[in-house]
């Protein structure tokens, strides 16, 4: 399956165009290999690493979806391996 379709089908991006832009920036990795094309092939077991919304996302592909379905169906297609977000230190006043 194409990388951009996977990102859109599993609802990691709102549009397929945003998924294409994310893939073509050259800041995404599939199993540690830098990817700079939206049509890179994704397979079950691949680990995707990319920056999104100010944090690093790491997801392992568990299944290839047939469509862009409801959120619970989409979430079942990957496992989120991302570290938890770091809280900003609070200033003592």
PDB file of N, CA and C in Angstrom:
ATOM      1  N   UNK A   1       0.842  -1.171   0.000  1.00  0.00           N
ATOM      2  CA  UNK A   1       0.000   0.000   0.000  1.00  0.00           C
ATOM      3  C   UNK A   1       0.890   1.237   0.000  1.00  0.00           C
ATOM      4  N   UNK A   2       0.456   2.273  -0.649  1.00  0.00           N
ATOM      5  CA  UNK A   2       1.200   3.534  -0.684  1.00  0.00           C
ATOM      6  C   UNK A   2       1.222   4.180   0.703  1.00  0.00           C
ATOM      7  N   UNK A   3       2.322   4.815   1.013  1.00  0.00           N
ATOM      8  CA  UNK A   3       2.499   5.487   2.304  1.00  0.00           C
ATOM      9  C   UNK A   3       1.437   6.548   2.540  1.00  0.00           C
ATOM     10  N   UNK A   4       1.185   7.394   1.551  1.00  0.00           N
ATOM     11  CA  UNK A   4       0.211   8.472   1.738  1.00  0.00           C
ATOM     12  C   UNK A   4      -1.198   7.929   1.965  1.00  0.00           C
ATOM     13  N   UNK A   5      -1.573   6.876   1.259  1.00  0.00           N
ATOM     14  CA  UNK A   5      -2.899   6.280   1.470  1.00  0.00           C
ATOM     15  C   UNK A   5      -3.008   5.695   2.874  1.00  0.00           C
ATOM     16  N   UNK A   6      -1.948   5.035   3.341  1.00  0.00           N
ATOM     17  CA  UNK A   6      -1.978   4.463   4.685  1.00  0.00           C
ATOM     18  C   UNK A   6      -2.179   5.555   5.734  1.00  0.00           C
ATOM     19  N   UNK A   7      -1.392   6.636   5.648  1.00  0.00           N
ATOM     20  CA  UNK A   7      -1.500   7.720   6.631  1.00  0.00           C
ATOM     21  C   UNK A   7      -2.899   8.319   6.646  1.00  0.00           C
ATOM     22  N   UNK A   8      -3.518   8.434   5.487  1.00  0.00           N
ATOM     23  CA  UNK A   8      -4.856   9.009   5.392  1.00  0.00           C
ATOM     24  C   UNK A   8      -5.912   8.009   5.853  1.00  0.00           C
ATOM     25  N   UNK A   9      -5.796   6.743   5.418  1.00  0.00           N
ATOM     26  CA  UNK A   9      -6.776   5.729   5.793  1.00  0.00           C
ATOM     27  C   UNK A   9      -6.833   5.514   7.299  1.00  0.00           C
ATOM     28  N   UNK A  10      -5.682   5.554   7.981  1.00  0.00           N
ATOM     29  CA  UNK A  10      -5.675   5.306   9.427  1.00  0.00           C
ATOM     30  C   UNK A  10      -5.831   6.596  10.233  1.00  0.00           C
ATOM     31  N   UNK A  11      -6.152   7.670   9.540  1.00  0.00           N
ATOM     32  CA  UNK A  11      -6.503   8.950  10.166  1.00  0.00           C
ATOM     33  C   UNK A  11      -5.357   9.613  10.925  1.00  0.00           C
ATOM     34  N   UNK A  12      -4.119   9.383  10.472  1.00  0.00           N
ATOM     35  CA  UNK A  12      -2.988  10.109  11.043  1.00  0.00           C
ATOM     36  C   UNK A  12      -2.878  11.497  10.416  1.00  0.00           C
ATOM     37  N   UNK A  13      -3.456  11.679   9.222  1.00  0.00           N
ATOM     38  CA  UNK A  13      -3.556  12.992   8.583  1.00  0.00           C
ATOM     39  C   UNK A  13      -5.012  13.214   8.178  1.00  0.00           C
ATOM     40  N   UNK A  14      -5.413  14.484   8.104  1.00  0.00           N
ATOM     41  CA  UNK A  14      -6.797  14.799   7.765  1.00  0.00           C
ATOM     42  C   UNK A  14      -7.106  14.624   6.288  1.00  0.00           C
ATOM     43  N   UNK A  15      -6.112  14.879   5.429  1.00  0.00           N
ATOM     44  CA  UNK A  15      -6.328  14.733   3.996  1.00  0.00           C
ATOM     45  C   UNK A  15      -5.186  13.940   3.382  1.00  0.00           C
ATOM     46  N   UNK A  16      -5.445  13.397   2.207  1.00  0.00           N
ATOM     47  CA  UNK A  16      -4.390  12.657   1.522  1.00  0.00           C
ATOM     48  C   UNK A  16      -3.299  13.614   1.041  1.00  0.00           C
ATOM     49  N   UNK A  17      -3.677  14.831   0.697  1.00  0.00           N
ATOM     50  CA  UNK A  17      -2.692  15.837   0.291  1.00  0.00           C
ATOM     51  C   UNK A  17      -1.707  16.144   1.409  1.00  0.00           C
ATOM     52  N   UNK A  18      -2.198  16.239   2.643  1.00  0.00           N
ATOM     53  CA  UNK A  18      -1.306  16.453   3.786  1.00  0.00           C
ATOM     54  C   UNK A  18      -0.391  15.248   3.990  1.00  0.00           C
ATOM     55  N   UNK A  19      -0.914  14.068   3.754  1.00  0.00           N
ATOM     56  CA  UNK A  19      -0.102  12.856   3.862  1.00  0.00           C
ATOM     57  C   UNK A  19       1.003  12.853   2.812  1.00  0.00           C
ATOM     58  N   UNK A  20       0.678  13.281   1.598  1.00  0.00           N
ATOM     59  CA  UNK A  20       1.680  13.358   0.532  1.00  0.00           C
ATOM     60  C   UNK A  20       2.765  14.367   0.893  1.00  0.00           C
ATOM     61  N   UNK A  21       2.356  15.528   1.392  1.00  0.00           N
ATOM     62  CA  UNK A  21       3.332  16.549   1.791  1.00  0.00           C
ATOM     63  C   UNK A  21       4.253  16.041   2.889  1.00  0.00           C
ATOM     64  N   UNK A  22       3.682  15.377   3.885  1.00  0.00           N
ATOM     65  CA  UNK A  22       4.473  14.834   4.990  1.00  0.00           C
ATOM     66  C   UNK A  22       5.502  13.828   4.474  1.00  0.00           C
ATOM     67  N   UNK A  23       5.091  12.972   3.562  1.00  0.00           N
ATOM     68  CA  UNK A  23       5.998  11.942   3.034  1.00  0.00           C
ATOM     69  C   UNK A  23       7.086  12.553   2.156  1.00  0.00           C
ATOM     70  N   UNK A  24       6.762  13.583   1.400  1.00  0.00           N
ATOM     71  CA  UNK A  24       7.716  14.160   0.452  1.00  0.00           C
ATOM     72  C   UNK A  24       8.697  15.141   1.085  1.00  0.00           C
ATOM     73  N   UNK A  25       8.515  15.480   2.349  1.00  0.00           N
ATOM     74  CA  UNK A  25       9.433  16.392   3.035  1.00  0.00           C
ATOM     75  C   UNK A  25      10.781  15.731   3.310  1.00  0.00           C
ATOM     76  N   UNK A  26      10.856  14.429   3.253  1.00  0.00           N
ATOM     77  CA  UNK A  26      12.104  13.726   3.501  1.00  0.00           C
ATOM     78  C   UNK A  26      12.430  13.565   4.969  1.00  0.00           C
ATOM     79  N   UNK A  27      11.448  13.747   5.822  1.00  0.00           N
ATOM     80  CA  UNK A  27      11.671  13.620   7.271  1.00  0.00           C
ATOM     81  C   UNK A  27      10.956  12.411   7.859  1.00  0.00           C
ATOM     82  N   UNK A  28      10.506  11.535   6.992  1.00  0.00           N
ATOM     83  CA  UNK A  28       9.815  10.338   7.444  1.00  0.00           C
ATOM     84  C   UNK A  28      10.730   9.139   7.222  1.00  0.00           C
ATOM     85  N   UNK A  29      10.639   8.167   8.119  1.00  0.00           N
ATOM     86  CA  UNK A  29      11.453   6.956   7.999  1.00  0.00           C
ATOM     87  C   UNK A  29      10.554   5.731   8.053  1.00  0.00           C
ATOM     88  N   UNK A  30      10.912   4.758   7.231  1.00  0.00           N
ATOM     89  CA  UNK A  30      10.264   3.445   7.266  1.00  0.00           C
ATOM     90  C   UNK A  30      11.355   2.460   7.661  1.00  0.00           C
ATOM     91  N   UNK A  31      11.212   1.859   8.821  1.00  0.00           N
ATOM     92  CA  UNK A  31      12.213   0.929   9.359  1.00  0.00           C
ATOM     93  C   UNK A  31      13.606   1.561   9.371  1.00  0.00           C
ATOM     94  N   UNK A  32      13.681   2.851   9.721  1.00  0.00           N
ATOM     95  CA  UNK A  32      14.952   3.553   9.832  1.00  0.00           C
ATOM     96  C   UNK A  32      15.481   4.109   8.521  1.00  0.00           C
ATOM     97  N   UNK A  33      14.840   3.818   7.410  1.00  0.00           N
ATOM     98  CA  UNK A  33      15.262   4.268   6.083  1.00  0.00           C
ATOM     99  C   UNK A  33      14.503   5.550   5.722  1.00  0.00           C
ATOM    100  N   UNK A  34      15.232   6.609   5.347  1.00  0.00           N
ATOM    101  CA  UNK A  34      14.604   7.883   5.006  1.00  0.00           C
ATOM    102  C   UNK A  34      13.765   7.726   3.743  1.00  0.00           C
ATOM    103  N   UNK A  35      12.558   8.283   3.770  1.00  0.00           N
ATOM    104  CA  UNK A  35      11.636   8.222   2.639  1.00  0.00           C
ATOM    105  C   UNK A  35      11.325   9.638   2.194  1.00  0.00           C
ATOM    106  N   UNK A  36      11.350   9.871   0.876  1.00  0.00           N
ATOM    107  CA  UNK A  36      11.018  11.201   0.368  1.00  0.00           C
ATOM    108  C   UNK A  36      10.005  11.125  -0.768  1.00  0.00           C
ATOM    109  N   UNK A  37       9.190  10.081  -0.763  1.00  0.00           N
ATOM    110  CA  UNK A  37       8.184   9.936  -1.808  1.00  0.00           C
ATOM    111  C   UNK A  37       6.903   9.369  -1.210  1.00  0.00           C
ATOM    112  N   UNK A  38       5.787   9.897  -1.664  1.00  0.00           N
ATOM    113  CA  UNK A  38       4.489   9.494  -1.132  1.00  0.00           C
ATOM    114  C   UNK A  38       4.096   8.090  -1.561  1.00  0.00           C
ATOM    115  N   UNK A  39       4.682   7.591  -2.649  1.00  0.00           N
ATOM    116  CA  UNK A  39       4.296   6.277  -3.145  1.00  0.00           C
ATOM    117  C   UNK A  39       5.190   5.148  -2.615  1.00  0.00           C
ATOM    118  N   UNK A  40       5.938   5.415  -1.545  1.00  0.00           N
ATOM    119  CA  UNK A  40       6.738   4.353  -0.915  1.00  0.00           C
ATOM    120  C   UNK A  40       5.789   3.256  -0.436  1.00  0.00           C
ATOM    121  N   UNK A  41       6.231   2.020  -0.547  1.00  0.00           N
ATOM    122  CA  UNK A  41       5.383   0.879  -0.201  1.00  0.00           C
ATOM    123  C   UNK A  41       5.432   0.586   1.295  1.00  0.00           C
ATOM    124  N   UNK A  42       4.261   0.392   1.861  1.00  0.00           N
ATOM    125  CA  UNK A  42       4.103   0.056   3.277  1.00  0.00           C
ATOM    126  C   UNK A  42       3.635  -1.388   3.362  1.00  0.00           C
ATOM    127  N   UNK A  43       4.206  -2.133   4.310  1.00  0.00           N
ATOM    128  CA  UNK A  43       3.808  -3.528   4.540  1.00  0.00           C
ATOM    129  C   UNK A  43       3.542  -3.724   6.033  1.00  0.00           C
ATOM    130  N   UNK A  44       2.812  -4.759   6.353  1.00  0.00           N
ATOM    131  CA  UNK A  44       2.559  -5.103   7.753  1.00  0.00           C
ATOM    132  C   UNK A  44       3.896  -5.368   8.425  1.00  0.00           C
ATOM    133  N   UNK A  45       4.089  -4.781   9.600  1.00  0.00           N
ATOM    134  CA  UNK A  45       5.325  -4.954  10.354  1.00  0.00           C
ATOM    135  C   UNK A  45       6.285  -3.781  10.221  1.00  0.00           C
ATOM    136  N   UNK A  46       6.087  -2.907   9.217  1.00  0.00           N
ATOM    137  CA  UNK A  46       6.938  -1.724   9.071  1.00  0.00           C
ATOM    138  C   UNK A  46       6.744  -0.786  10.253  1.00  0.00           C
ATOM    139  N   UNK A  47       7.820  -0.098  10.620  1.00  0.00           N
ATOM    140  CA  UNK A  47       7.761   0.918  11.672  1.00  0.00           C
ATOM    141  C   UNK A  47       7.990   2.274  11.016  1.00  0.00           C
ATOM    142  N   UNK A  48       7.031   3.180  11.183  1.00  0.00           N
ATOM    143  CA  UNK A  48       7.102   4.523  10.623  1.00  0.00           C
ATOM    144  C   UNK A  48       7.487   5.501  11.717  1.00  0.00           C
ATOM    145  N   UNK A  49       8.434   6.388  11.426  1.00  0.00           N
ATOM    146  CA  UNK A  49       8.863   7.412  12.371  1.00  0.00           C
ATOM    147  C   UNK A  49       8.780   8.759  11.668  1.00  0.00           C
ATOM    148  N   UNK A  50       8.109   9.718  12.297  1.00  0.00           N
ATOM    149  CA  UNK A  50       7.956  11.042  11.691  1.00  0.00           C
ATOM    150  C   UNK A  50       7.555  12.055  12.746  1.00  0.00           C
ATOM    151  N   UNK A  51       7.808  13.322  12.445  1.00  0.00           N
ATOM    152  CA  UNK A  51       7.417  14.416  13.336  1.00  0.00           C
ATOM    153  C   UNK A  51       6.047  14.932  12.899  1.00  0.00           C
ATOM    154  N   UNK A  52       5.173  15.126  13.886  1.00  0.00           N
ATOM    155  CA  UNK A  52       3.841  15.649  13.588  1.00  0.00           C
ATOM    156  C   UNK A  52       3.312  16.388  14.810  1.00  0.00           C
ATOM    157  N   UNK A  53       2.867  17.596  14.586  1.00  0.00           N
ATOM    158  CA  UNK A  53       2.275  18.419  15.644  1.00  0.00           C
ATOM    159  C   UNK A  53       3.225  18.613  16.828  1.00  0.00           C
ATOM    160  N   UNK A  54       4.497  18.843  16.526  1.00  0.00           N
ATOM    161  CA  UNK A  54       5.466  19.162  17.561  1.00  0.00           C
ATOM    162  C   UNK A  54       5.977  17.986  18.367  1.00  0.00           C
ATOM    163  N   UNK A  55       5.703  16.769  17.931  1.00  0.00           N
ATOM    164  CA  UNK A  55       6.245  15.607  18.630  1.00  0.00           C
ATOM    165  C   UNK A  55       6.604  14.519  17.635  1.00  0.00           C
ATOM    166  N   UNK A  56       7.409  13.581  18.079  1.00  0.00           N
ATOM    167  CA  UNK A  56       7.835  12.464  17.244  1.00  0.00           C
ATOM    168  C   UNK A  56       6.807  11.345  17.373  1.00  0.00           C
ATOM    169  N   UNK A  57       6.321  10.865  16.236  1.00  0.00           N
ATOM    170  CA  UNK A  57       5.378   9.748  16.225  1.00  0.00           C
ATOM    171  C   UNK A  57       6.101   8.510  15.715  1.00  0.00           C
ATOM    172  N   UNK A  58       5.897   7.402  16.388  1.00  0.00           N
ATOM    173  CA  UNK A  58       6.443   6.107  15.983  1.00  0.00           C
ATOM    174  C   UNK A  58       5.266   5.138  15.969  1.00  0.00           C
ATOM    175  N   UNK A  59       4.974   4.586  14.803  1.00  0.00           N
ATOM    176  CA  UNK A  59       3.851   3.657  14.685  1.00  0.00           C
ATOM    177  C   UNK A  59       4.299   2.403  13.937  1.00  0.00           C
ATOM    178  N   UNK A  60       3.800   1.260  14.392  1.00  0.00           N
ATOM    179  CA  UNK A  60       4.067  -0.011  13.717  1.00  0.00           C
ATOM    180  C   UNK A  60       2.794  -0.418  12.979  1.00  0.00           C
ATOM    181  N   UNK A  61       2.926  -0.766  11.720  1.00  0.00           N
ATOM    182  CA  UNK A  61       1.795  -1.153  10.879  1.00  0.00           C
ATOM    183  C   UNK A  61       1.364  -2.565  11.271  1.00  0.00           C
ATOM    184  N   UNK A  62       0.124  -2.708  11.701  1.00  0.00           N
ATOM    185  CA  UNK A  62      -0.420  -4.001  12.118  1.00  0.00           C
ATOM    186  C   UNK A  62      -1.304  -4.622  11.042  1.00  0.00           C
ATOM    187  N   UNK A  63      -1.947  -3.779  10.229  1.00  0.00           N
ATOM    188  CA  UNK A  63      -2.835  -4.256   9.158  1.00  0.00           C
ATOM    189  C   UNK A  63      -2.942  -3.167   8.104  1.00  0.00           C
ATOM    190  N   UNK A  64      -3.260  -3.567   6.889  1.00  0.00           N
ATOM    191  CA  UNK A  64      -3.451  -2.610   5.810  1.00  0.00           C
ATOM    192  C   UNK A  64      -4.955  -2.418   5.597  1.00  0.00           C
ATOM    193  N   UNK A  65      -5.463  -1.215   5.832  1.00  0.00           N
ATOM    194  CA  UNK A  65      -6.904  -0.981   5.704  1.00  0.00           C
ATOM    195  C   UNK A  65      -7.348  -0.972   4.244  1.00  0.00           C
ATOM    196  N   UNK A  66      -8.605  -1.342   4.022  1.00  0.00           N
ATOM    197  CA  UNK A  66      -9.179  -1.325   2.679  1.00  0.00           C
ATOM    198  C   UNK A  66      -9.843   0.003   2.360  1.00  0.00           C
ATOM    199  N   UNK A  67     -10.148   0.777   3.402  1.00  0.00           N
ATOM    200  CA  UNK A  67     -10.849   2.040   3.222  1.00  0.00           C
ATOM    201  C   UNK A  67     -10.544   2.968   4.386  1.00  0.00           C
ATOM    202  N   UNK A  68     -11.003   4.190   4.276  1.00  0.00           N
ATOM    203  CA  UNK A  68     -10.875   5.137   5.383  1.00  0.00           C
ATOM    204  C   UNK A  68     -12.145   5.019   6.220  1.00  0.00           C
ATOM    205  N   UNK A  69     -12.122   4.124   7.156  1.00  0.00           N
ATOM    206  CA  UNK A  69     -13.297   3.818   7.953  1.00  0.00           C
ATOM    207  C   UNK A  69     -13.345   4.631   9.235  1.00  0.00           C
ATOM    208  N   UNK A  70     -14.189   4.214  10.155  1.00  0.00           N
ATOM    209  CA  UNK A  70     -14.317   4.906  11.441  1.00  0.00           C
ATOM    210  C   UNK A  70     -13.025   4.829  12.259  1.00  0.00           C
ATOM    211  N   UNK A  71     -12.889   5.742  13.207  1.00  0.00           N
ATOM    212  CA  UNK A  71     -11.663   5.859  13.997  1.00  0.00           C
ATOM    213  C   UNK A  71     -11.266   4.555  14.700  1.00  0.00           C
ATOM    214  N   UNK A  72     -12.187   3.827  15.344  1.00  0.00           N
ATOM    215  CA  UNK A  72     -11.768   2.576  16.002  1.00  0.00           C
ATOM    216  C   UNK A  72     -11.196   1.553  15.010  1.00  0.00           C
ATOM    217  N   UNK A  73     -11.776   1.478  13.828  1.00  0.00           N
ATOM    218  CA  UNK A  73     -11.281   0.571  12.790  1.00  0.00           C
ATOM    219  C   UNK A  73      -9.893   1.008  12.324  1.00  0.00           C
ATOM    220  N   UNK A  74      -9.698   2.315  12.173  1.00  0.00           N
ATOM    221  CA  UNK A  74      -8.403   2.850  11.744  1.00  0.00           C
ATOM    222  C   UNK A  74      -7.333   2.611  12.806  1.00  0.00           C
ATOM    223  N   UNK A  75      -7.674   2.813  14.073  1.00  0.00           N
ATOM    224  CA  UNK A  75      -6.701   2.652  15.157  1.00  0.00           C
ATOM    225  C   UNK A  75      -6.244   1.209  15.306  1.00  0.00           C
ATOM    226  N   UNK A  76      -7.054   0.258  14.863  1.00  0.00           N
ATOM    227  CA  UNK A  76      -6.680  -1.154  14.949  1.00  0.00           C
ATOM    228  C   UNK A  76      -5.614  -1.530  13.915  1.00  0.00           C
ATOM    229  N   UNK A  77      -5.347  -0.642  12.968  1.00  0.00           N
ATOM    230  CA  UNK A  77      -4.388  -0.939  11.893  1.00  0.00           C
ATOM    231  C   UNK A  77      -2.953  -0.595  12.261  1.00  0.00           C
ATOM    232  N   UNK A  78      -2.736   0.048  13.412  1.00  0.00           N
ATOM    233  CA  UNK A  78      -1.372   0.380  13.818  1.00  0.00           C
ATOM    234  C   UNK A  78      -1.256   0.389  15.332  1.00  0.00           C
ATOM    235  N   UNK A  79      -0.027   0.238  15.803  1.00  0.00           N
ATOM    236  CA  UNK A  79       0.282   0.342  17.227  1.00  0.00           C
ATOM    237  C   UNK A  79       1.146   1.572  17.408  1.00  0.00           C
ATOM    238  N   UNK A  80       0.745   2.449  18.306  1.00  0.00           N
ATOM    239  CA  UNK A  80       1.496   3.677  18.567  1.00  0.00           C
ATOM    240  C   UNK A  80       2.613   3.368  19.557  1.00  0.00           C
ATOM    241  N   UNK A  81       3.857   3.501  19.102  1.00  0.00           N
ATOM    242  CA  UNK A  81       5.031   3.241  19.941  1.00  0.00           C
ATOM    243  C   UNK A  81       5.683   4.539  20.412  1.00  0.00           C
ATOM    244  N   UNK A  82       5.013   5.667  20.177  1.00  0.00           N
ATOM    245  CA  UNK A  82       5.574   6.979  20.501  1.00  0.00           C
ATOM    246  C   UNK A  82       5.776   7.135  21.998  1.00  0.00           C
ATOM    247  N   UNK A  83       6.851   7.835  22.375  1.00  0.00           N
ATOM    248  CA  UNK A  83       7.024   8.125  23.794  1.00  0.00           C
ATOM    249  C   UNK A  83       5.944   9.107  24.231  1.00  0.00           C
ATOM    250  N   UNK A  84       5.564   9.072  25.500  1.00  0.00           N
ATOM    251  CA  UNK A  84       4.543  10.016  25.965  1.00  0.00           C
ATOM    252  C   UNK A  84       5.054  11.453  25.835  1.00  0.00           C
ATOM    253  N   UNK A  85       4.140  12.402  25.591  1.00  0.00           N
ATOM    254  CA  UNK A  85       4.573  13.797  25.469  1.00  0.00           C
ATOM    255  C   UNK A  85       5.201  14.287  26.766  1.00  0.00           C
ATOM    256  N   UNK A  86       6.229  15.101  26.637  1.00  0.00           N
ATOM    257  CA  UNK A  86       6.923  15.643  27.800  1.00  0.00           C
ATOM    258  C   UNK A  86       6.200  16.909  28.239  1.00  0.00           C
ATOM    259  N   UNK A  87       5.868  16.966  29.514  1.00  0.00           N
ATOM    260  CA  UNK A  87       5.202  18.164  30.043  1.00  0.00           C
ATOM    261  C   UNK A  87       6.213  19.293  30.156  1.00  0.00           C
ATOM    262  N   UNK A  88       5.750  20.488  29.878  1.00  0.00           N
ATOM    263  CA  UNK A  88       6.585  21.675  30.030  1.00  0.00           C
ATOM    264  C   UNK A  88       6.871  21.885  31.525  1.00  0.00           C
ATOM    265  N   UNK A  89       8.121  22.206  31.880  1.00  0.00           N
ATOM    266  CA  UNK A  89       8.403  22.488  33.290  1.00  0.00           C
ATOM    267  C   UNK A  89       7.688  23.772  33.700  1.00  0.00           C
ATOM    268  N   UNK A  90       7.123  23.725  34.882  1.00  0.00           N
ATOM    269  CA  UNK A  90       6.395  24.894  35.384  1.00  0.00           C
ATOM    270  C   UNK A  90       7.341  25.799  36.131  1.00  0.00           C
ATOM    271  N   UNK A  91       7.210  27.079  35.913  1.00  0.00           N
ATOM    272  CA  UNK A  91       8.082  28.036  36.585  1.00  0.00           C
ATOM    273  C   UNK A  91       7.564  28.295  38.005  1.00  0.00           C
ATOM    274  N   UNK A  92       8.469  28.374  38.927  1.00  0.00           N
ATOM    275  CA  UNK A  92       8.100  28.641  40.326  1.00  0.00           C
ATOM    276  C   UNK A  92       8.025  30.155  40.511  1.00  0.00           C
ATOM    277  N   UNK A  93       6.842  30.609  40.885  1.00  0.00           N
ATOM    278  CA  UNK A  93       6.663  32.049  41.118  1.00  0.00           C
ATOM    279  C   UNK A  93       6.190  32.317  42.505  1.00  0.00           C
TER     280      UNK A  93
END
